[in-house]
C-alpha cells in the first residue's frame, strides 16, 4: 500500500525532479531544436497539402470535360443505334409489302429459283434419291506389312476425280463421308490422310450424290472418272462399290458448313459489293456446272 500511495502522490522520480530544479536555478531553458524541427515539418506538410489542393482544383475542369465528352458520345451512339433499328424495321415492312404485292406465280417462281440456288450452293440440307460410291483401300498385305501398299491406298486425287465425275453426271448435291461439298470446298491430302475442307477422313470413303440414280450411274460409268475407277479396281485392288439409293433408302445430305459470301451482284449484273475474305486459288471445289475442274 505504501508503494501505491507513493506512486500516486509522487509520480515523478525524485532524481528527475532534482535535475529540473537545478536547470531552473542555473537559468537554463529546454533545448529548442525539437520545437524548430516540429515547426519545419508542419510547414512542409502544409505546403504539400496546399500544392495538392491547387492541382486537384486545376484538374477538376479537365475531368469534368472528359466526362461530358464521354456522355455526349454515349448519347450520340445510342441515337445512331436507334436510327438504324428504325431503318431496319422500315425496310422489313417494305419487303413485306413488296412480297404481298408480288404474290401469285411471280412469288412462287422466285421461291423456286431461290430454293434451287440454295441447293446448288450447299446452303440447305437435301434429301432424295441418288447413288452412293464407296472407295476402300486394297486389302492388307498378307506378308505382314500390316497396311495396304502405297499403290493400293485411296488418295485425295481419287476422291477428286470421283466427285468431279458425279458433278458432270448431273448430281445436284454431293457429300463425302457426310461432309457436304460446295463451290468453296477443297479436297486435299496431309501425309496419308485425305482432307475435305481441312477435316481428316478415315477410309472407307463414302461419296453420296443426289440425283436420278439411273442417269448418274450410266453417265458415271461412261465418263473418264468411271474408267479411272475401273483401273483402280483392276490394277491396284482398290475396292469400288456403286449402288443406287431410293425409296426408303434415300440420301440425306446436310448443309455445307463452310460458306462465305465473297461477291454480291445487283440486278443489273454489276458488282454491288465484295466481302474481303478471298479464298486461296487452290480451294476451288466441284459444283454443278463445273467443267471437270471442280474439286481440288
C-alpha atoms as a PDB file:
ATOM      1  CA  UNK A   1       0.000   0.000   0.000  1.00  0.00           C
ATOM      2  CA  UNK A   2       2.870   2.358   0.768  1.00  0.00           C
ATOM      3  CA  UNK A   3       4.220   1.803  -2.770  1.00  0.00           C
ATOM      4  CA  UNK A   4       0.855   2.638  -4.344  1.00  0.00           C
ATOM      5  CA  UNK A   5       0.488   5.716  -2.157  1.00  0.00           C
ATOM      6  CA  UNK A   6       3.979   6.887  -3.150  1.00  0.00           C
ATOM      7  CA  UNK A   7       3.224   6.392  -6.873  1.00  0.00           C
ATOM      8  CA  UNK A   8       0.008   8.397  -6.612  1.00  0.00           C
ATOM      9  CA  UNK A   9       1.391  11.357  -4.629  1.00  0.00           C
ATOM     10  CA  UNK A  10       4.853  11.481  -6.195  1.00  0.00           C
ATOM     11  CA  UNK A  11       4.597  10.234  -9.826  1.00  0.00           C
ATOM     12  CA  UNK A  12       7.859  11.963 -10.855  1.00  0.00           C
ATOM     13  CA  UNK A  13      11.056  10.282  -9.742  1.00  0.00           C
ATOM     14  CA  UNK A  14      12.978  12.416  -7.242  1.00  0.00           C
ATOM     15  CA  UNK A  15      16.051  12.343  -9.448  1.00  0.00           C
ATOM     16  CA  UNK A  16      14.197  13.869 -12.417  1.00  0.00           C
ATOM     17  CA  UNK A  17      12.672  16.500 -10.141  1.00  0.00           C
ATOM     18  CA  UNK A  18      16.098  17.422  -8.735  1.00  0.00           C
ATOM     19  CA  UNK A  19      17.624  17.741 -12.224  1.00  0.00           C
ATOM     20  CA  UNK A  20      14.797  20.023 -13.385  1.00  0.00           C
ATOM     21  CA  UNK A  21      15.247  22.146 -10.242  1.00  0.00           C
ATOM     22  CA  UNK A  22      18.991  22.543 -10.926  1.00  0.00           C
ATOM     23  CA  UNK A  23      18.342  23.708 -14.531  1.00  0.00           C
ATOM     24  CA  UNK A  24      15.880  26.311 -13.344  1.00  0.00           C
ATOM     25  CA  UNK A  25      18.275  27.561 -10.683  1.00  0.00           C
ATOM     26  CA  UNK A  26      21.077  27.791 -13.245  1.00  0.00           C
ATOM     27  CA  UNK A  27      18.846  29.814 -15.594  1.00  0.00           C
ATOM     28  CA  UNK A  28      18.890  27.159 -18.428  1.00  0.00           C
ATOM     29  CA  UNK A  29      15.967  26.585 -20.872  1.00  0.00           C
ATOM     30  CA  UNK A  30      14.928  23.362 -22.592  1.00  0.00           C
ATOM     31  CA  UNK A  31      16.537  22.744 -25.979  1.00  0.00           C
ATOM     32  CA  UNK A  32      14.636  24.422 -28.813  1.00  0.00           C
ATOM     33  CA  UNK A  33      15.844  22.193 -31.646  1.00  0.00           C
ATOM     34  CA  UNK A  34      12.950  19.689 -31.382  1.00  0.00           C
ATOM     35  CA  UNK A  35      10.459  22.526 -31.452  1.00  0.00           C
ATOM     36  CA  UNK A  36      12.111  24.008 -34.547  1.00  0.00           C
ATOM     37  CA  UNK A  37      12.070  20.634 -36.342  1.00  0.00           C
ATOM     38  CA  UNK A  38       8.426  20.165 -35.491  1.00  0.00           C
ATOM     39  CA  UNK A  39       7.548  23.601 -36.807  1.00  0.00           C
ATOM     40  CA  UNK A  40       9.509  22.973 -40.025  1.00  0.00           C
ATOM     41  CA  UNK A  41       7.784  19.641 -40.589  1.00  0.00           C
ATOM     42  CA  UNK A  42       4.412  21.294 -40.069  1.00  0.00           C
ATOM     43  CA  UNK A  43       5.294  23.974 -42.638  1.00  0.00           C
ATOM     44  CA  UNK A  44       6.418  21.399 -45.216  1.00  0.00           C
ATOM     45  CA  UNK A  45       3.279  19.301 -44.695  1.00  0.00           C
ATOM     46  CA  UNK A  46       1.104  22.381 -45.047  1.00  0.00           C
ATOM     47  CA  UNK A  47       2.876  23.360 -48.279  1.00  0.00           C
ATOM     48  CA  UNK A  48       2.370  19.874 -49.733  1.00  0.00           C
ATOM     49  CA  UNK A  49      -1.312  19.915 -48.860  1.00  0.00           C
ATOM     50  CA  UNK A  50      -1.684  23.336 -50.436  1.00  0.00           C
ATOM     51  CA  UNK A  51       0.013  22.222 -53.689  1.00  0.00           C
ATOM     52  CA  UNK A  52      -2.142  19.081 -53.849  1.00  0.00           C
ATOM     53  CA  UNK A  53      -5.261  21.124 -53.350  1.00  0.00           C
ATOM     54  CA  UNK A  54      -4.297  23.566 -56.096  1.00  0.00           C
ATOM     55  CA  UNK A  55      -3.572  20.743 -58.550  1.00  0.00           C
ATOM     56  CA  UNK A  56      -6.830  18.974 -57.725  1.00  0.00           C
ATOM     57  CA  UNK A  57      -8.748  22.174 -58.261  1.00  0.00           C
ATOM     58  CA  UNK A  58      -6.980  22.760 -61.593  1.00  0.00           C
ATOM     59  CA  UNK A  59      -7.621  19.178 -62.807  1.00  0.00           C
ATOM     60  CA  UNK A  60     -11.304  19.142 -61.910  1.00  0.00           C
ATOM     61  CA  UNK A  61     -12.402  21.061 -65.020  1.00  0.00           C
ATOM     62  CA  UNK A  62     -10.463  18.682 -67.295  1.00  0.00           C
ATOM     63  CA  UNK A  63     -12.105  15.654 -65.646  1.00  0.00           C
ATOM     64  CA  UNK A  64     -15.494  17.281 -65.979  1.00  0.00           C
ATOM     65  CA  UNK A  65     -14.882  17.985 -69.671  1.00  0.00           C
ATOM     66  CA  UNK A  66     -13.762  14.374 -70.302  1.00  0.00           C
ATOM     67  CA  UNK A  67     -16.835  13.032 -68.539  1.00  0.00           C
ATOM     68  CA  UNK A  68     -19.064  15.351 -70.540  1.00  0.00           C
ATOM     69  CA  UNK A  69     -17.436  14.254 -73.825  1.00  0.00           C
ATOM     70  CA  UNK A  70     -17.922  10.604 -72.918  1.00  0.00           C
ATOM     71  CA  UNK A  71     -21.575  11.163 -72.079  1.00  0.00           C
ATOM     72  CA  UNK A  72     -22.072  13.003 -75.372  1.00  0.00           C
ATOM     73  CA  UNK A  73     -20.509  10.103 -77.317  1.00  0.00           C
ATOM     74  CA  UNK A  74     -22.760   7.647 -75.500  1.00  0.00           C
ATOM     75  CA  UNK A  75     -25.828   9.712 -76.337  1.00  0.00           C
ATOM     76  CA  UNK A  76     -24.759  10.019 -79.994  1.00  0.00           C
ATOM     77  CA  UNK A  77     -24.122   6.275 -80.284  1.00  0.00           C
ATOM     78  CA  UNK A  78     -27.474   5.487 -78.706  1.00  0.00           C
ATOM     79  CA  UNK A  79     -29.247   7.824 -81.108  1.00  0.00           C
ATOM     80  CA  UNK A  80     -27.444   6.252 -84.084  1.00  0.00           C
ATOM     81  CA  UNK A  81     -28.368   2.739 -82.938  1.00  0.00           C
ATOM     82  CA  UNK A  82     -31.994   3.800 -82.518  1.00  0.00           C
ATOM     83  CA  UNK A  83     -31.972   5.274 -86.028  1.00  0.00           C
ATOM     84  CA  UNK A  84     -30.539   2.090 -87.540  1.00  0.00           C
ATOM     85  CA  UNK A  85     -33.105  -0.016 -85.697  1.00  0.00           C
ATOM     86  CA  UNK A  86     -35.903   2.178 -87.014  1.00  0.00           C
ATOM     87  CA  UNK A  87     -34.499   1.933 -90.551  1.00  0.00           C
ATOM     88  CA  UNK A  88     -34.265  -1.856 -90.315  1.00  0.00           C
ATOM     89  CA  UNK A  89     -37.873  -2.023 -89.181  1.00  0.00           C
ATOM     90  CA  UNK A  90     -38.944   0.171 -92.081  1.00  0.00           C
ATOM     91  CA  UNK A  91     -37.010  -1.996 -94.560  1.00  0.00           C
ATOM     92  CA  UNK A  92     -38.606  -5.168 -93.203  1.00  0.00           C
ATOM     93  CA  UNK A  93     -42.037  -3.619 -93.551  1.00  0.00           C
ATOM     94  CA  UNK A  94     -41.197  -2.544 -97.107  1.00  0.00           C
ATOM     95  CA  UNK A  95     -40.045  -6.061 -98.001  1.00  0.00           C
ATOM     96  CA  UNK A  96     -43.240  -7.499 -96.582  1.00  0.00           C
ATOM     97  CA  UNK A  97     -45.304  -5.021 -98.625  1.00  0.00           C
ATOM     98  CA  UNK A  98     -43.409  -5.880-101.822  1.00  0.00           C
ATOM     99  CA  UNK A  99     -43.830  -9.597-101.206  1.00  0.00           C
ATOM    100  CA  UNK A 100     -47.561  -9.069-100.697  1.00  0.00           C
ATOM    101  CA  UNK A 101     -47.799  -7.105-103.947  1.00  0.00           C
ATOM    102  CA  UNK A 102     -45.888  -9.715-105.933  1.00  0.00           C
ATOM    103  CA  UNK A 103     -47.829 -12.760-104.774  1.00  0.00           C
ATOM    104  CA  UNK A 104     -49.081 -15.447-107.101  1.00  0.00           C
ATOM    105  CA  UNK A 105     -46.930 -17.004-109.813  1.00  0.00           C
ATOM    106  CA  UNK A 106     -44.149 -14.413-109.598  1.00  0.00           C
ATOM    107  CA  UNK A 107     -43.521 -15.100-105.919  1.00  0.00           C
ATOM    108  CA  UNK A 108     -43.724 -18.865-106.474  1.00  0.00           C
ATOM    109  CA  UNK A 109     -41.183 -18.698-109.309  1.00  0.00           C
ATOM    110  CA  UNK A 110     -38.850 -16.555-107.219  1.00  0.00           C
ATOM    111  CA  UNK A 111     -39.141 -19.022-104.342  1.00  0.00           C
ATOM    112  CA  UNK A 112     -38.362 -21.969-106.587  1.00  0.00           C
ATOM    113  CA  UNK A 113     -35.340 -20.202-108.049  1.00  0.00           C
ATOM    114  CA  UNK A 114     -34.062 -19.303-104.575  1.00  0.00           C
ATOM    115  CA  UNK A 115     -34.501 -22.913-103.447  1.00  0.00           C
ATOM    116  CA  UNK A 116     -32.602 -24.248-106.466  1.00  0.00           C
ATOM    117  CA  UNK A 117     -29.763 -21.798-105.864  1.00  0.00           C
ATOM    118  CA  UNK A 118     -29.612 -22.750-102.187  1.00  0.00           C
ATOM    119  CA  UNK A 119     -29.292 -26.425-103.099  1.00  0.00           C
ATOM    120  CA  UNK A 120     -26.598 -25.699-105.696  1.00  0.00           C
ATOM    121  CA  UNK A 121     -24.646 -23.581-103.237  1.00  0.00           C
ATOM    122  CA  UNK A 122     -24.931 -26.192-100.497  1.00  0.00           C
ATOM    123  CA  UNK A 123     -26.653 -23.735 -98.178  1.00  0.00           C
ATOM    124  CA  UNK A 124     -29.525 -26.073 -97.323  1.00  0.00           C
ATOM    125  CA  UNK A 125     -29.872 -29.753 -96.497  1.00  0.00           C
ATOM    126  CA  UNK A 126     -31.293 -32.027 -99.187  1.00  0.00           C
ATOM    127  CA  UNK A 127     -33.000 -35.408 -99.231  1.00  0.00           C
ATOM    128  CA  UNK A 128     -33.693 -37.534-102.278  1.00  0.00           C
ATOM    129  CA  UNK A 129     -32.667 -40.480-104.435  1.00  0.00           C
ATOM    130  CA  UNK A 130     -29.169 -40.817-105.767  1.00  0.00           C
ATOM    131  CA  UNK A 131     -26.117 -43.028-105.833  1.00  0.00           C
ATOM    132  CA  UNK A 132     -23.523 -43.979-103.257  1.00  0.00           C
ATOM    133  CA  UNK A 133     -19.951 -44.758-104.297  1.00  0.00           C
ATOM    134  CA  UNK A 134     -17.634 -46.306-101.718  1.00  0.00           C
ATOM    135  CA  UNK A 135     -13.844 -46.289-102.165  1.00  0.00           C
ATOM    136  CA  UNK A 136     -11.841 -48.602 -99.916  1.00  0.00           C
ATOM    137  CA  UNK A 137      -8.132 -49.296 -99.607  1.00  0.00           C
ATOM    138  CA  UNK A 138      -6.809 -52.524-101.069  1.00  0.00           C
ATOM    139  CA  UNK A 139      -6.673 -55.480 -98.645  1.00  0.00           C
ATOM    140  CA  UNK A 140      -3.716 -55.548 -96.264  1.00  0.00           C
ATOM    141  CA  UNK A 141      -0.506 -57.192 -97.381  1.00  0.00           C
ATOM    142  CA  UNK A 142      -0.682 -60.847 -96.279  1.00  0.00           C
ATOM    143  CA  UNK A 143       3.109 -60.897 -95.994  1.00  0.00           C
ATOM    144  CA  UNK A 144       2.817 -58.985 -92.732  1.00  0.00           C
ATOM    145  CA  UNK A 145       3.274 -55.385 -93.751  1.00  0.00           C
ATOM    146  CA  UNK A 146       0.199 -54.571 -91.654  1.00  0.00           C
ATOM    147  CA  UNK A 147      -1.206 -51.972 -94.064  1.00  0.00           C
ATOM    148  CA  UNK A 148      -2.186 -51.573 -97.660  1.00  0.00           C
ATOM    149  CA  UNK A 149       0.648 -50.950-100.071  1.00  0.00           C
ATOM    150  CA  UNK A 150       1.044 -47.305-101.130  1.00  0.00           C
ATOM    151  CA  UNK A 151      -0.239 -48.109-104.613  1.00  0.00           C
ATOM    152  CA  UNK A 152      -3.365 -49.695-103.098  1.00  0.00           C
ATOM    153  CA  UNK A 153      -4.312 -46.784-100.873  1.00  0.00           C
ATOM    154  CA  UNK A 154      -7.059 -44.323-101.784  1.00  0.00           C
ATOM    155  CA  UNK A 155      -5.578 -40.827-102.118  1.00  0.00           C
ATOM    156  CA  UNK A 156      -7.058 -37.369-102.475  1.00  0.00           C
ATOM    157  CA  UNK A 157      -6.827 -37.382-106.275  1.00  0.00           C
ATOM    158  CA  UNK A 158      -9.011 -40.497-106.452  1.00  0.00           C
ATOM    159  CA  UNK A 159     -11.745 -38.761-104.427  1.00  0.00           C
ATOM    160  CA  UNK A 160     -11.367 -35.579-106.505  1.00  0.00           C
ATOM    161  CA  UNK A 161     -11.875 -37.393-109.804  1.00  0.00           C
ATOM    162  CA  UNK A 162     -14.883 -39.286-108.461  1.00  0.00           C
ATOM    163  CA  UNK A 163     -16.535 -36.090-107.175  1.00  0.00           C
ATOM    164  CA  UNK A 164     -15.936 -34.266-110.460  1.00  0.00           C
ATOM    165  CA  UNK A 165     -17.332 -37.238-112.355  1.00  0.00           C
ATOM    166  CA  UNK A 166     -20.513 -37.159-110.277  1.00  0.00           C
ATOM    167  CA  UNK A 167     -20.927 -33.417-110.887  1.00  0.00           C
ATOM    168  CA  UNK A 168     -20.518 -33.987-114.618  1.00  0.00           C
ATOM    169  CA  UNK A 169     -23.017 -36.832-114.490  1.00  0.00           C
ATOM    170  CA  UNK A 170     -25.687 -34.418-113.214  1.00  0.00           C
ATOM    171  CA  UNK A 171     -25.503 -34.660-109.434  1.00  0.00           C
ATOM    172  CA  UNK A 172     -27.484 -31.968-107.622  1.00  0.00           C
ATOM    173  CA  UNK A 173     -25.611 -32.313-104.317  1.00  0.00           C
ATOM    174  CA  UNK A 174     -22.530 -34.277-103.236  1.00  0.00           C
ATOM    175  CA  UNK A 175     -21.136 -35.206 -99.819  1.00  0.00           C
ATOM    176  CA  UNK A 176     -18.008 -37.120 -98.786  1.00  0.00           C
ATOM    177  CA  UNK A 177     -18.261 -39.044 -95.519  1.00  0.00           C
ATOM    178  CA  UNK A 178     -21.141 -36.802 -94.503  1.00  0.00           C
ATOM    179  CA  UNK A 179     -19.391 -33.514 -95.380  1.00  0.00           C
ATOM    180  CA  UNK A 180     -21.405 -31.550 -97.927  1.00  0.00           C
ATOM    181  CA  UNK A 181     -19.384 -30.062-100.796  1.00  0.00           C
ATOM    182  CA  UNK A 182     -19.882 -26.535-102.110  1.00  0.00           C
ATOM    183  CA  UNK A 183     -18.117 -24.328-104.626  1.00  0.00           C
ATOM    184  CA  UNK A 184     -15.661 -23.366-101.854  1.00  0.00           C
ATOM    185  CA  UNK A 185     -14.854 -26.908-100.718  1.00  0.00           C
ATOM    186  CA  UNK A 186     -11.399 -28.418-101.099  1.00  0.00           C
ATOM    187  CA  UNK A 187     -10.134 -31.995-101.207  1.00  0.00           C
ATOM    188  CA  UNK A 188      -6.502 -32.268-100.185  1.00  0.00           C
ATOM    189  CA  UNK A 189      -4.008 -34.644 -98.603  1.00  0.00           C
ATOM    190  CA  UNK A 190      -1.873 -34.309 -95.474  1.00  0.00           C
ATOM    191  CA  UNK A 191       0.582 -37.187 -95.330  1.00  0.00           C
ATOM    192  CA  UNK A 192      -1.529 -40.299 -95.797  1.00  0.00           C
ATOM    193  CA  UNK A 193      -4.801 -38.635 -94.709  1.00  0.00           C
ATOM    194  CA  UNK A 194      -7.434 -37.301 -97.114  1.00  0.00           C
ATOM    195  CA  UNK A 195      -8.821 -33.916 -96.076  1.00  0.00           C
ATOM    196  CA  UNK A 196     -12.164 -32.423 -97.066  1.00  0.00           C
ATOM    197  CA  UNK A 197     -12.425 -28.759 -96.101  1.00  0.00           C
ATOM    198  CA  UNK A 198      -9.321 -29.380 -93.959  1.00  0.00           C
ATOM    199  CA  UNK A 199     -11.037 -32.132 -91.970  1.00  0.00           C
ATOM    200  CA  UNK A 200      -9.289 -35.507 -91.999  1.00  0.00           C
ATOM    201  CA  UNK A 201     -11.324 -38.501 -93.140  1.00  0.00           C
ATOM    202  CA  UNK A 202     -10.880 -42.181 -92.453  1.00  0.00           C
ATOM    203  CA  UNK A 203     -11.460 -44.928 -95.030  1.00  0.00           C
ATOM    204  CA  UNK A 204     -13.659 -46.194 -96.469  1.00  0.00           C
ATOM    205  CA  UNK A 205     -14.604 -43.017 -98.334  1.00  0.00           C
ATOM    206  CA  UNK A 206     -18.351 -42.819 -98.925  1.00  0.00           C
ATOM    207  CA  UNK A 207     -19.305 -40.368-101.679  1.00  0.00           C
ATOM    208  CA  UNK A 208     -23.054 -39.657-101.906  1.00  0.00           C
ATOM    209  CA  UNK A 209     -24.674 -37.820-104.811  1.00  0.00           C
ATOM    210  CA  UNK A 210     -28.335 -36.767-105.016  1.00  0.00           C
ATOM    211  CA  UNK A 211     -29.939 -37.075-108.441  1.00  0.00           C
ATOM    212  CA  UNK A 212     -31.563 -39.574-110.787  1.00  0.00           C
ATOM    213  CA  UNK A 213     -29.854 -42.877-109.850  1.00  0.00           C
ATOM    214  CA  UNK A 214     -30.101 -44.411-113.323  1.00  0.00           C
ATOM    215  CA  UNK A 215     -28.751 -41.312-115.067  1.00  0.00           C
ATOM    216  CA  UNK A 216     -25.942 -40.862-112.565  1.00  0.00           C
ATOM    217  CA  UNK A 217     -24.799 -44.481-112.805  1.00  0.00           C
ATOM    218  CA  UNK A 218     -24.919 -44.528-116.609  1.00  0.00           C
ATOM    219  CA  UNK A 219     -23.097 -41.248-117.096  1.00  0.00           C
ATOM    220  CA  UNK A 220     -20.508 -42.001-114.412  1.00  0.00           C
ATOM    221  CA  UNK A 221     -19.661 -45.377-115.973  1.00  0.00           C
ATOM    222  CA  UNK A 222     -19.196 -43.756-119.409  1.00  0.00           C
ATOM    223  CA  UNK A 223     -17.063 -40.871-118.135  1.00  0.00           C
ATOM    224  CA  UNK A 224     -13.325 -40.534-117.578  1.00  0.00           C
ATOM    225  CA  UNK A 225     -13.944 -40.858-113.846  1.00  0.00           C
ATOM    226  CA  UNK A 226     -15.732 -44.188-114.353  1.00  0.00           C
ATOM    227  CA  UNK A 227     -12.858 -45.592-116.414  1.00  0.00           C
ATOM    228  CA  UNK A 228     -10.389 -44.319-113.816  1.00  0.00           C
ATOM    229  CA  UNK A 229     -12.275 -46.133-111.039  1.00  0.00           C
ATOM    230  CA  UNK A 230     -12.181 -49.331-113.102  1.00  0.00           C
ATOM    231  CA  UNK A 231      -8.393 -49.023-113.405  1.00  0.00           C
ATOM    232  CA  UNK A 232      -8.071 -48.553-109.631  1.00  0.00           C
ATOM    233  CA  UNK A 233     -10.115 -51.670-109.044  1.00  0.00           C
ATOM    234  CA  UNK A 234      -8.476 -53.892-111.653  1.00  0.00           C
ATOM    235  CA  UNK A 235      -4.827 -52.873-111.283  1.00  0.00           C
ATOM    236  CA  UNK A 236      -4.453 -51.782-107.658  1.00  0.00           C
ATOM    237  CA  UNK A 237      -7.062 -53.801-105.799  1.00  0.00           C
ATOM    238  CA  UNK A 238      -8.887 -50.733-104.506  1.00  0.00           C
ATOM    239  CA  UNK A 239     -12.483 -51.501-103.619  1.00  0.00           C
ATOM    240  CA  UNK A 240     -15.115 -49.611-105.617  1.00  0.00           C
ATOM    241  CA  UNK A 241     -18.805 -50.127-104.880  1.00  0.00           C
ATOM    242  CA  UNK A 242     -21.543 -48.197-106.666  1.00  0.00           C
ATOM    243  CA  UNK A 243     -25.139 -48.519-105.544  1.00  0.00           C
ATOM    244  CA  UNK A 244     -28.440 -46.747-106.134  1.00  0.00           C
ATOM    245  CA  UNK A 245     -30.296 -45.254-103.177  1.00  0.00           C
ATOM    246  CA  UNK A 246     -34.011 -44.591-103.482  1.00  0.00           C
ATOM    247  CA  UNK A 247     -37.290 -45.184-101.715  1.00  0.00           C
ATOM    248  CA  UNK A 248     -36.760 -45.898 -98.038  1.00  0.00           C
ATOM    249  CA  UNK A 249     -33.000 -45.638 -98.575  1.00  0.00           C
ATOM    250  CA  UNK A 250     -32.994 -42.088 -99.960  1.00  0.00           C
ATOM    251  CA  UNK A 251     -29.919 -39.992 -99.260  1.00  0.00           C
ATOM    252  CA  UNK A 252     -29.970 -37.178 -96.679  1.00  0.00           C
ATOM    253  CA  UNK A 253     -27.136 -34.690 -97.086  1.00  0.00           C
ATOM    254  CA  UNK A 254     -26.566 -31.867 -94.575  1.00  0.00           C
ATOM    255  CA  UNK A 255     -25.916 -28.248 -95.499  1.00  0.00           C
ATOM    256  CA  UNK A 256     -22.332 -27.218 -96.124  1.00  0.00           C
ATOM    257  CA  UNK A 257     -20.605 -25.864 -93.038  1.00  0.00           C
ATOM    258  CA  UNK A 258     -18.023 -23.707 -94.849  1.00  0.00           C
ATOM    259  CA  UNK A 259     -19.857 -20.991 -96.764  1.00  0.00           C
ATOM    260  CA  UNK A 260     -18.733 -17.375 -97.185  1.00  0.00           C
ATOM    261  CA  UNK A 261     -20.278 -14.616 -99.250  1.00  0.00           C
ATOM    262  CA  UNK A 262     -17.476 -13.172-101.386  1.00  0.00           C
ATOM    263  CA  UNK A 263     -19.187 -11.277-104.223  1.00  0.00           C
ATOM    264  CA  UNK A 264     -22.723  -9.857-104.488  1.00  0.00           C
ATOM    265  CA  UNK A 265     -24.154  -8.531-107.759  1.00  0.00           C
ATOM    266  CA  UNK A 266     -27.016  -6.130-108.267  1.00  0.00           C
ATOM    267  CA  UNK A 267     -29.976  -6.651-110.619  1.00  0.00           C
ATOM    268  CA  UNK A 268     -28.055  -5.052-113.489  1.00  0.00           C
ATOM    269  CA  UNK A 269     -25.199  -7.526-113.166  1.00  0.00           C
ATOM    270  CA  UNK A 270     -22.728  -5.035-111.720  1.00  0.00           C
ATOM    271  CA  UNK A 271     -20.767  -5.884-108.600  1.00  0.00           C
ATOM    272  CA  UNK A 272     -22.629  -4.476-105.620  1.00  0.00           C
ATOM    273  CA  UNK A 273     -20.038  -5.331-103.027  1.00  0.00           C
ATOM    274  CA  UNK A 274     -17.230  -7.657-102.142  1.00  0.00           C
ATOM    275  CA  UNK A 275     -16.516  -9.185 -98.784  1.00  0.00           C
ATOM    276  CA  UNK A 276     -12.732  -9.079 -98.138  1.00  0.00           C
ATOM    277  CA  UNK A 277     -12.373 -12.781 -97.347  1.00  0.00           C
ATOM    278  CA  UNK A 278     -10.988 -14.282-100.563  1.00  0.00           C
ATOM    279  CA  UNK A 279     -10.195 -17.962-100.560  1.00  0.00           C
ATOM    280  CA  UNK A 280      -6.883 -19.235-101.808  1.00  0.00           C
ATOM    281  CA  UNK A 281      -6.804 -20.037-105.527  1.00  0.00           C
ATOM    282  CA  UNK A 282      -6.345 -23.729-104.844  1.00  0.00           C
ATOM    283  CA  UNK A 283      -9.514 -24.028-102.746  1.00  0.00           C
ATOM    284  CA  UNK A 284     -11.946 -24.259-105.654  1.00  0.00           C
ATOM    285  CA  UNK A 285     -14.186 -27.284-105.445  1.00  0.00           C
ATOM    286  CA  UNK A 286     -16.633 -29.114-107.593  1.00  0.00           C
ATOM    287  CA  UNK A 287     -20.057 -27.609-108.129  1.00  0.00           C
ATOM    288  CA  UNK A 288     -22.875 -28.184-110.589  1.00  0.00           C
ATOM    289  CA  UNK A 289     -21.853 -26.909-113.991  1.00  0.00           C
ATOM    290  CA  UNK A 290     -18.071 -27.102-113.397  1.00  0.00           C
ATOM    291  CA  UNK A 291     -16.291 -28.484-116.406  1.00  0.00           C
ATOM    292  CA  UNK A 292     -14.465 -31.263-114.618  1.00  0.00           C
ATOM    293  CA  UNK A 293     -12.010 -28.951-112.848  1.00  0.00           C
ATOM    294  CA  UNK A 294     -14.010 -28.598-109.666  1.00  0.00           C
ATOM    295  CA  UNK A 295     -12.777 -30.498-106.631  1.00  0.00           C
ATOM    296  CA  UNK A 296      -9.103 -29.987-105.937  1.00  0.00           C
END
